[in-house]
Amino acid sequence: MVGQTKRGPGRKPTHGKSTSRAYRIWSGMKARCKNNLDYVKKKITVCKRWESFEKFYADMGDPPPGTSLDRKNNKLGYSPANCRWSTKIVQNNNTARNIVPGRSIRQEALALGISPQTMYSRIRTGMSPDAALTHTDLRPLRSHSQERLPATSSKKTQGAARINHSRRKHINRRLEA
């Protein structure tokens, strides 16, 4: 057992880790599986072995700094085979909300040269994830009867044209693949 201590006369020995980060994570894991409606609906559970903190701690140890408990397969419950200590970035990439498996919406938006807020906004307004990835926001050229833009352009519009050109190239490469 993990550093056993006794608390008071006739009390059962404890692990001595009740104030540790590992214990708080283990306790939170159990509470999520019992009280979180999403977890209950998806039947995300804690394996029998990990009902005991001592066994959880024996399998996982102390969490490295900057990490938290992550399920490798989000459709499965908490068990030694399905859990690891992961950074926030790894966890954000391991979610069912991702458009591209293994990449967050933020990463995909930045790779396309658009702001992550634009990508979130497109999806929130009902655009499919595939359409949000390939939508270019490029407007058709104006007809002769419409007002023309001035010949001189600002640095801001030059930058936008450069981003649109870069985005077009990236989207075309993705569509060809």
C-alpha atoms as a PDB file:
ATOM      1  CA  MET A   1       0.000   0.000   0.000  1.00  0.00           C
ATOM      2  CA  VAL A   2       1.026   3.583  -0.524  1.00  0.00           C
ATOM      3  CA  GLY A   3       2.709   5.000   2.641  1.00  0.00           C
ATOM      4  CA  GLN A   4       0.192   3.660   5.138  1.00  0.00           C
ATOM      5  CA  THR A   5      -0.645   5.732   8.187  1.00  0.00           C
ATOM      6  CA  LYS A   6      -3.249   5.289  10.910  1.00  0.00           C
ATOM      7  CA  ARG A   7      -5.603   8.075  11.855  1.00  0.00           C
ATOM      8  CA  GLY A   8      -6.824   7.769  15.401  1.00  0.00           C
ATOM      9  CA  PRO A   9      -7.241   4.723  17.632  1.00  0.00           C
ATOM     10  CA  GLY A  10      -8.642   1.647  15.914  1.00  0.00           C
ATOM     11  CA  ARG A  11      -8.851   3.351  12.523  1.00  0.00           C
ATOM     12  CA  LYS A  12      -8.038   1.586   9.295  1.00  0.00           C
ATOM     13  CA  PRO A  13      -4.640   2.448   7.744  1.00  0.00           C
ATOM     14  CA  THR A  14      -4.852   4.999   4.905  1.00  0.00           C
ATOM     15  CA  HIS A  15      -2.637   5.775   1.966  1.00  0.00           C
ATOM     16  CA  GLY A  16      -1.538   9.206   3.233  1.00  0.00           C
ATOM     17  CA  LYS A  17      -2.209  10.821  -0.154  1.00  0.00           C
ATOM     18  CA  SER A  18      -5.631  12.381   0.420  1.00  0.00           C
ATOM     19  CA  THR A  19      -4.246  15.896  -0.155  1.00  0.00           C
ATOM     20  CA  SER A  20      -2.193  14.970  -3.235  1.00  0.00           C
ATOM     21  CA  ARG A  21      -2.942  15.993  -6.807  1.00  0.00           C
ATOM     22  CA  ALA A  22      -3.239  12.310  -7.830  1.00  0.00           C
ATOM     23  CA  TYR A  23      -5.953  11.796  -5.200  1.00  0.00           C
ATOM     24  CA  ARG A  24      -7.899  14.880  -6.339  1.00  0.00           C
ATOM     25  CA  ILE A  25      -7.749  13.637  -9.958  1.00  0.00           C
ATOM     26  CA  TRP A  26      -8.879  10.132  -8.928  1.00  0.00           C
ATOM     27  CA  SER A  27     -11.712  11.582  -6.848  1.00  0.00           C
ATOM     28  CA  GLY A  28     -12.801  13.847  -9.746  1.00  0.00           C
ATOM     29  CA  MET A  29     -12.746  10.888 -12.140  1.00  0.00           C
ATOM     30  CA  LYS A  30     -15.073   8.908  -9.876  1.00  0.00           C
ATOM     31  CA  ALA A  31     -17.394  11.894  -9.351  1.00  0.00           C
ATOM     32  CA  ARG A  32     -17.653  12.533 -13.127  1.00  0.00           C
ATOM     33  CA  CYS A  33     -18.640   8.930 -13.789  1.00  0.00           C
ATOM     34  CA  LYS A  34     -21.268   9.031 -11.059  1.00  0.00           C
ATOM     35  CA  ASN A  35     -22.709  12.563 -11.388  1.00  0.00           C
ATOM     36  CA  ASN A  36     -22.047  13.890 -14.911  1.00  0.00           C
ATOM     37  CA  LEU A  37     -25.111  13.184 -17.069  1.00  0.00           C
ATOM     38  CA  ASP A  38     -23.040  12.976 -20.280  1.00  0.00           C
ATOM     39  CA  TYR A  39     -20.814  10.330 -18.711  1.00  0.00           C
ATOM     40  CA  VAL A  40     -23.808   8.429 -17.320  1.00  0.00           C
ATOM     41  CA  LYS A  41     -25.604   8.474 -20.713  1.00  0.00           C
ATOM     42  CA  LYS A  42     -22.472   7.282 -22.526  1.00  0.00           C
ATOM     43  CA  LYS A  43     -21.920   4.642 -19.831  1.00  0.00           C
ATOM     44  CA  ILE A  44     -18.412   5.915 -19.061  1.00  0.00           C
ATOM     45  CA  THR A  45     -17.383   4.083 -15.894  1.00  0.00           C
ATOM     46  CA  VAL A  46     -14.378   3.457 -13.674  1.00  0.00           C
ATOM     47  CA  CYS A  47     -13.027  -0.102 -13.823  1.00  0.00           C
ATOM     48  CA  LYS A  48     -13.417  -2.247 -10.690  1.00  0.00           C
ATOM     49  CA  ARG A  49      -9.669  -2.126 -10.014  1.00  0.00           C
ATOM     50  CA  TRP A  50      -9.660   1.669  -9.825  1.00  0.00           C
ATOM     51  CA  GLU A  51     -12.448   1.845  -7.237  1.00  0.00           C
ATOM     52  CA  SER A  52      -9.489   1.779  -4.846  1.00  0.00           C
ATOM     53  CA  PHE A  53      -7.179   4.823  -4.865  1.00  0.00           C
ATOM     54  CA  GLU A  54      -4.210   2.638  -3.932  1.00  0.00           C
ATOM     55  CA  LYS A  55      -4.619   0.559  -7.108  1.00  0.00           C
ATOM     56  CA  PHE A  56      -5.183   3.648  -9.255  1.00  0.00           C
ATOM     57  CA  TYR A  57      -2.008   5.162  -7.805  1.00  0.00           C
ATOM     58  CA  ALA A  58      -0.051   1.918  -8.302  1.00  0.00           C
ATOM     59  CA  ASP A  59      -1.028   1.944 -12.006  1.00  0.00           C
ATOM     60  CA  MET A  60      -0.711   5.665 -12.766  1.00  0.00           C
ATOM     61  CA  GLY A  61       1.642   7.122 -10.136  1.00  0.00           C
ATOM     62  CA  ASP A  62       1.948  10.859  -9.609  1.00  0.00           C
ATOM     63  CA  PRO A  63       0.894  13.022 -12.565  1.00  0.00           C
ATOM     64  CA  PRO A  64       3.821  14.793 -14.241  1.00  0.00           C
ATOM     65  CA  PRO A  65       3.632  18.609 -14.030  1.00  0.00           C
ATOM     66  CA  GLY A  66       1.359  20.133 -16.684  1.00  0.00           C
ATOM     67  CA  THR A  67      -0.635  16.952 -17.284  1.00  0.00           C
ATOM     68  CA  SER A  68      -4.010  15.521 -16.347  1.00  0.00           C
ATOM     69  CA  LEU A  69      -5.809  12.216 -16.737  1.00  0.00           C
ATOM     70  CA  ASP A  70      -6.849  11.460 -20.323  1.00  0.00           C
ATOM     71  CA  ARG A  71      -8.793   8.566 -21.830  1.00  0.00           C
ATOM     72  CA  LYS A  72      -7.129   7.394 -25.062  1.00  0.00           C
ATOM     73  CA  ASN A  73     -10.451   6.195 -26.480  1.00  0.00           C
ATOM     74  CA  ASN A  74     -13.239   8.547 -25.404  1.00  0.00           C
ATOM     75  CA  LYS A  75     -15.896   5.892 -25.992  1.00  0.00           C
ATOM     76  CA  LEU A  76     -14.399   3.663 -23.294  1.00  0.00           C
ATOM     77  CA  GLY A  77     -14.258   4.114 -19.535  1.00  0.00           C
ATOM     78  CA  TYR A  78     -11.405   4.716 -17.129  1.00  0.00           C
ATOM     79  CA  SER A  79      -9.000   1.766 -16.893  1.00  0.00           C
ATOM     80  CA  PRO A  80      -5.227   1.207 -16.880  1.00  0.00           C
ATOM     81  CA  ALA A  81      -5.288   0.225 -20.572  1.00  0.00           C
ATOM     82  CA  ASN A  82      -7.268   3.307 -21.649  1.00  0.00           C
ATOM     83  CA  CYS A  83      -5.754   6.097 -19.524  1.00  0.00           C
ATOM     84  CA  ARG A  84      -2.590   8.186 -19.620  1.00  0.00           C
ATOM     85  CA  TRP A  85      -1.239  11.461 -18.295  1.00  0.00           C
ATOM     86  CA  SER A  86      -1.561  14.019 -21.115  1.00  0.00           C
ATOM     87  CA  THR A  87      -0.977  17.715 -21.685  1.00  0.00           C
ATOM     88  CA  LYS A  88      -3.865  20.065 -22.469  1.00  0.00           C
ATOM     89  CA  ILE A  89      -2.865  20.170 -26.149  1.00  0.00           C
ATOM     90  CA  VAL A  90      -2.957  16.371 -26.473  1.00  0.00           C
ATOM     91  CA  GLN A  91      -6.336  16.282 -24.710  1.00  0.00           C
ATOM     92  CA  ASN A  92      -7.772  18.985 -26.975  1.00  0.00           C
ATOM     93  CA  ASN A  93      -6.745  16.919 -29.981  1.00  0.00           C
ATOM     94  CA  ASN A  94      -8.370  13.806 -28.490  1.00  0.00           C
ATOM     95  CA  THR A  95     -12.008  14.882 -28.577  1.00  0.00           C
ATOM     96  CA  ALA A  96     -15.060  13.887 -30.600  1.00  0.00           C
ATOM     97  CA  ARG A  97     -15.600  17.567 -31.517  1.00  0.00           C
ATOM     98  CA  ASN A  98     -12.539  17.613 -33.770  1.00  0.00           C
ATOM     99  CA  ILE A  99     -13.090  18.072 -37.481  1.00  0.00           C
ATOM    100  CA  VAL A 100      -9.934  16.225 -38.449  1.00  0.00           C
ATOM    101  CA  PRO A 101      -9.044  13.284 -36.176  1.00  0.00           C
ATOM    102  CA  GLY A 102      -6.098  14.223 -33.986  1.00  0.00           C
ATOM    103  CA  ARG A 103      -6.316  17.972 -34.732  1.00  0.00           C
ATOM    104  CA  SER A 104      -8.337  20.589 -32.925  1.00  0.00           C
ATOM    105  CA  ILE A 105     -10.544  23.147 -34.661  1.00  0.00           C
ATOM    106  CA  ARG A 106      -8.015  25.784 -33.627  1.00  0.00           C
ATOM    107  CA  GLN A 107      -5.103  23.931 -35.243  1.00  0.00           C
ATOM    108  CA  GLU A 108      -7.051  23.344 -38.449  1.00  0.00           C
ATOM    109  CA  ALA A 109      -8.131  26.990 -38.659  1.00  0.00           C
ATOM    110  CA  LEU A 110      -4.577  28.235 -38.148  1.00  0.00           C
ATOM    111  CA  ALA A 111      -3.317  25.798 -40.796  1.00  0.00           C
ATOM    112  CA  LEU A 112      -5.849  27.317 -43.216  1.00  0.00           C
ATOM    113  CA  GLY A 113      -4.777  30.848 -42.335  1.00  0.00           C
ATOM    114  CA  ILE A 114      -8.093  31.874 -40.775  1.00  0.00           C
ATOM    115  CA  SER A 115      -8.941  32.777 -37.221  1.00  0.00           C
ATOM    116  CA  PRO A 116     -10.225  29.974 -34.969  1.00  0.00           C
ATOM    117  CA  GLN A 117     -13.186  32.226 -34.103  1.00  0.00           C
ATOM    118  CA  THR A 118     -14.196  32.241 -37.777  1.00  0.00           C
ATOM    119  CA  MET A 119     -14.120  28.436 -37.860  1.00  0.00           C
ATOM    120  CA  TYR A 120     -16.166  28.162 -34.637  1.00  0.00           C
ATOM    121  CA  SER A 121     -18.639  30.737 -35.964  1.00  0.00           C
ATOM    122  CA  ARG A 122     -19.121  28.829 -39.223  1.00  0.00           C
ATOM    123  CA  ILE A 123     -19.847  25.591 -37.383  1.00  0.00           C
ATOM    124  CA  ARG A 124     -22.099  27.295 -34.802  1.00  0.00           C
ATOM    125  CA  THR A 125     -24.230  28.832 -37.575  1.00  0.00           C
ATOM    126  CA  GLY A 126     -24.938  25.393 -39.027  1.00  0.00           C
ATOM    127  CA  MET A 127     -22.184  24.951 -41.595  1.00  0.00           C
ATOM    128  CA  SER A 128     -20.909  21.372 -41.746  1.00  0.00           C
ATOM    129  CA  PRO A 129     -17.320  20.851 -40.587  1.00  0.00           C
ATOM    130  CA  ASP A 130     -16.235  19.927 -44.136  1.00  0.00           C
ATOM    131  CA  ALA A 131     -17.842  23.063 -45.554  1.00  0.00           C
ATOM    132  CA  ALA A 132     -16.258  25.158 -42.794  1.00  0.00           C
ATOM    133  CA  LEU A 133     -12.850  23.809 -43.817  1.00  0.00           C
ATOM    134  CA  THR A 134     -13.286  24.435 -47.536  1.00  0.00           C
ATOM    135  CA  HIS A 135     -15.316  27.667 -47.448  1.00  0.00           C
ATOM    136  CA  THR A 136     -13.031  30.392 -48.744  1.00  0.00           C
ATOM    137  CA  ASP A 137     -15.011  33.607 -48.150  1.00  0.00           C
ATOM    138  CA  LEU A 138     -13.757  34.774 -51.537  1.00  0.00           C
ATOM    139  CA  ARG A 139     -16.354  36.938 -53.256  1.00  0.00           C
ATOM    140  CA  PRO A 140     -16.837  36.831 -57.037  1.00  0.00           C
ATOM    141  CA  LEU A 141     -15.247  39.579 -59.089  1.00  0.00           C
ATOM    142  CA  ARG A 142     -17.381  42.681 -59.516  1.00  0.00           C
ATOM    143  CA  SER A 143     -19.078  43.264 -62.842  1.00  0.00           C
ATOM    144  CA  HIS A 144     -18.187  46.315 -64.997  1.00  0.00           C
ATOM    145  CA  SER A 145     -21.340  48.126 -63.912  1.00  0.00           C
ATOM    146  CA  GLN A 146     -20.340  48.004 -60.249  1.00  0.00           C
ATOM    147  CA  GLU A 147     -18.041  50.454 -58.567  1.00  0.00           C
ATOM    148  CA  ARG A 148     -14.359  49.584 -58.849  1.00  0.00           C
ATOM    149  CA  LEU A 149     -11.900  49.586 -56.000  1.00  0.00           C
ATOM    150  CA  PRO A 150      -9.214  52.284 -56.034  1.00  0.00           C
ATOM    151  CA  ALA A 151      -5.937  51.329 -57.722  1.00  0.00           C
ATOM    152  CA  THR A 152      -3.928  51.846 -54.555  1.00  0.00           C
ATOM    153  CA  SER A 153      -4.495  49.386 -51.768  1.00  0.00           C
ATOM    154  CA  SER A 154      -3.529  49.504 -48.143  1.00  0.00           C
ATOM    155  CA  LYS A 155      -1.144  47.135 -46.404  1.00  0.00           C
ATOM    156  CA  LYS A 156      -4.167  45.603 -44.708  1.00  0.00           C
ATOM    157  CA  THR A 157      -5.843  44.601 -47.996  1.00  0.00           C
ATOM    158  CA  GLN A 158      -2.516  43.373 -49.404  1.00  0.00           C
ATOM    159  CA  GLY A 159      -2.126  41.158 -46.334  1.00  0.00           C
ATOM    160  CA  ALA A 160      -5.669  39.835 -46.740  1.00  0.00           C
ATOM    161  CA  ALA A 161      -5.006  39.022 -50.404  1.00  0.00           C
ATOM    162  CA  ARG A 162      -1.842  37.162 -49.409  1.00  0.00           C
ATOM    163  CA  ILE A 163      -3.758  35.148 -46.784  1.00  0.00           C
ATOM    164  CA  ASN A 164      -6.572  34.349 -49.249  1.00  0.00           C
ATOM    165  CA  HIS A 165      -4.014  33.178 -51.835  1.00  0.00           C
ATOM    166  CA  SER A 166      -2.291  31.018 -49.215  1.00  0.00           C
ATOM    167  CA  ARG A 167      -5.640  29.641 -48.052  1.00  0.00           C
ATOM    168  CA  ARG A 168      -6.669  28.829 -51.625  1.00  0.00           C
ATOM    169  CA  LYS A 169      -3.448  26.857 -52.156  1.00  0.00           C
ATOM    170  CA  HIS A 170      -3.921  24.935 -48.895  1.00  0.00           C
ATOM    171  CA  ILE A 171      -7.569  24.130 -49.640  1.00  0.00           C
ATOM    172  CA  ASN A 172      -6.740  22.971 -53.160  1.00  0.00           C
ATOM    173  CA  ARG A 173      -4.029  20.666 -51.791  1.00  0.00           C
ATOM    174  CA  ARG A 174      -6.529  19.196 -49.299  1.00  0.00           C
ATOM    175  CA  LEU A 175      -9.181  18.667 -51.969  1.00  0.00           C
ATOM    176  CA  GLU A 176      -6.709  16.968 -54.330  1.00  0.00           C
ATOM    177  CA  ALA A 177      -5.590  14.517 -51.629  1.00  0.00           C
END
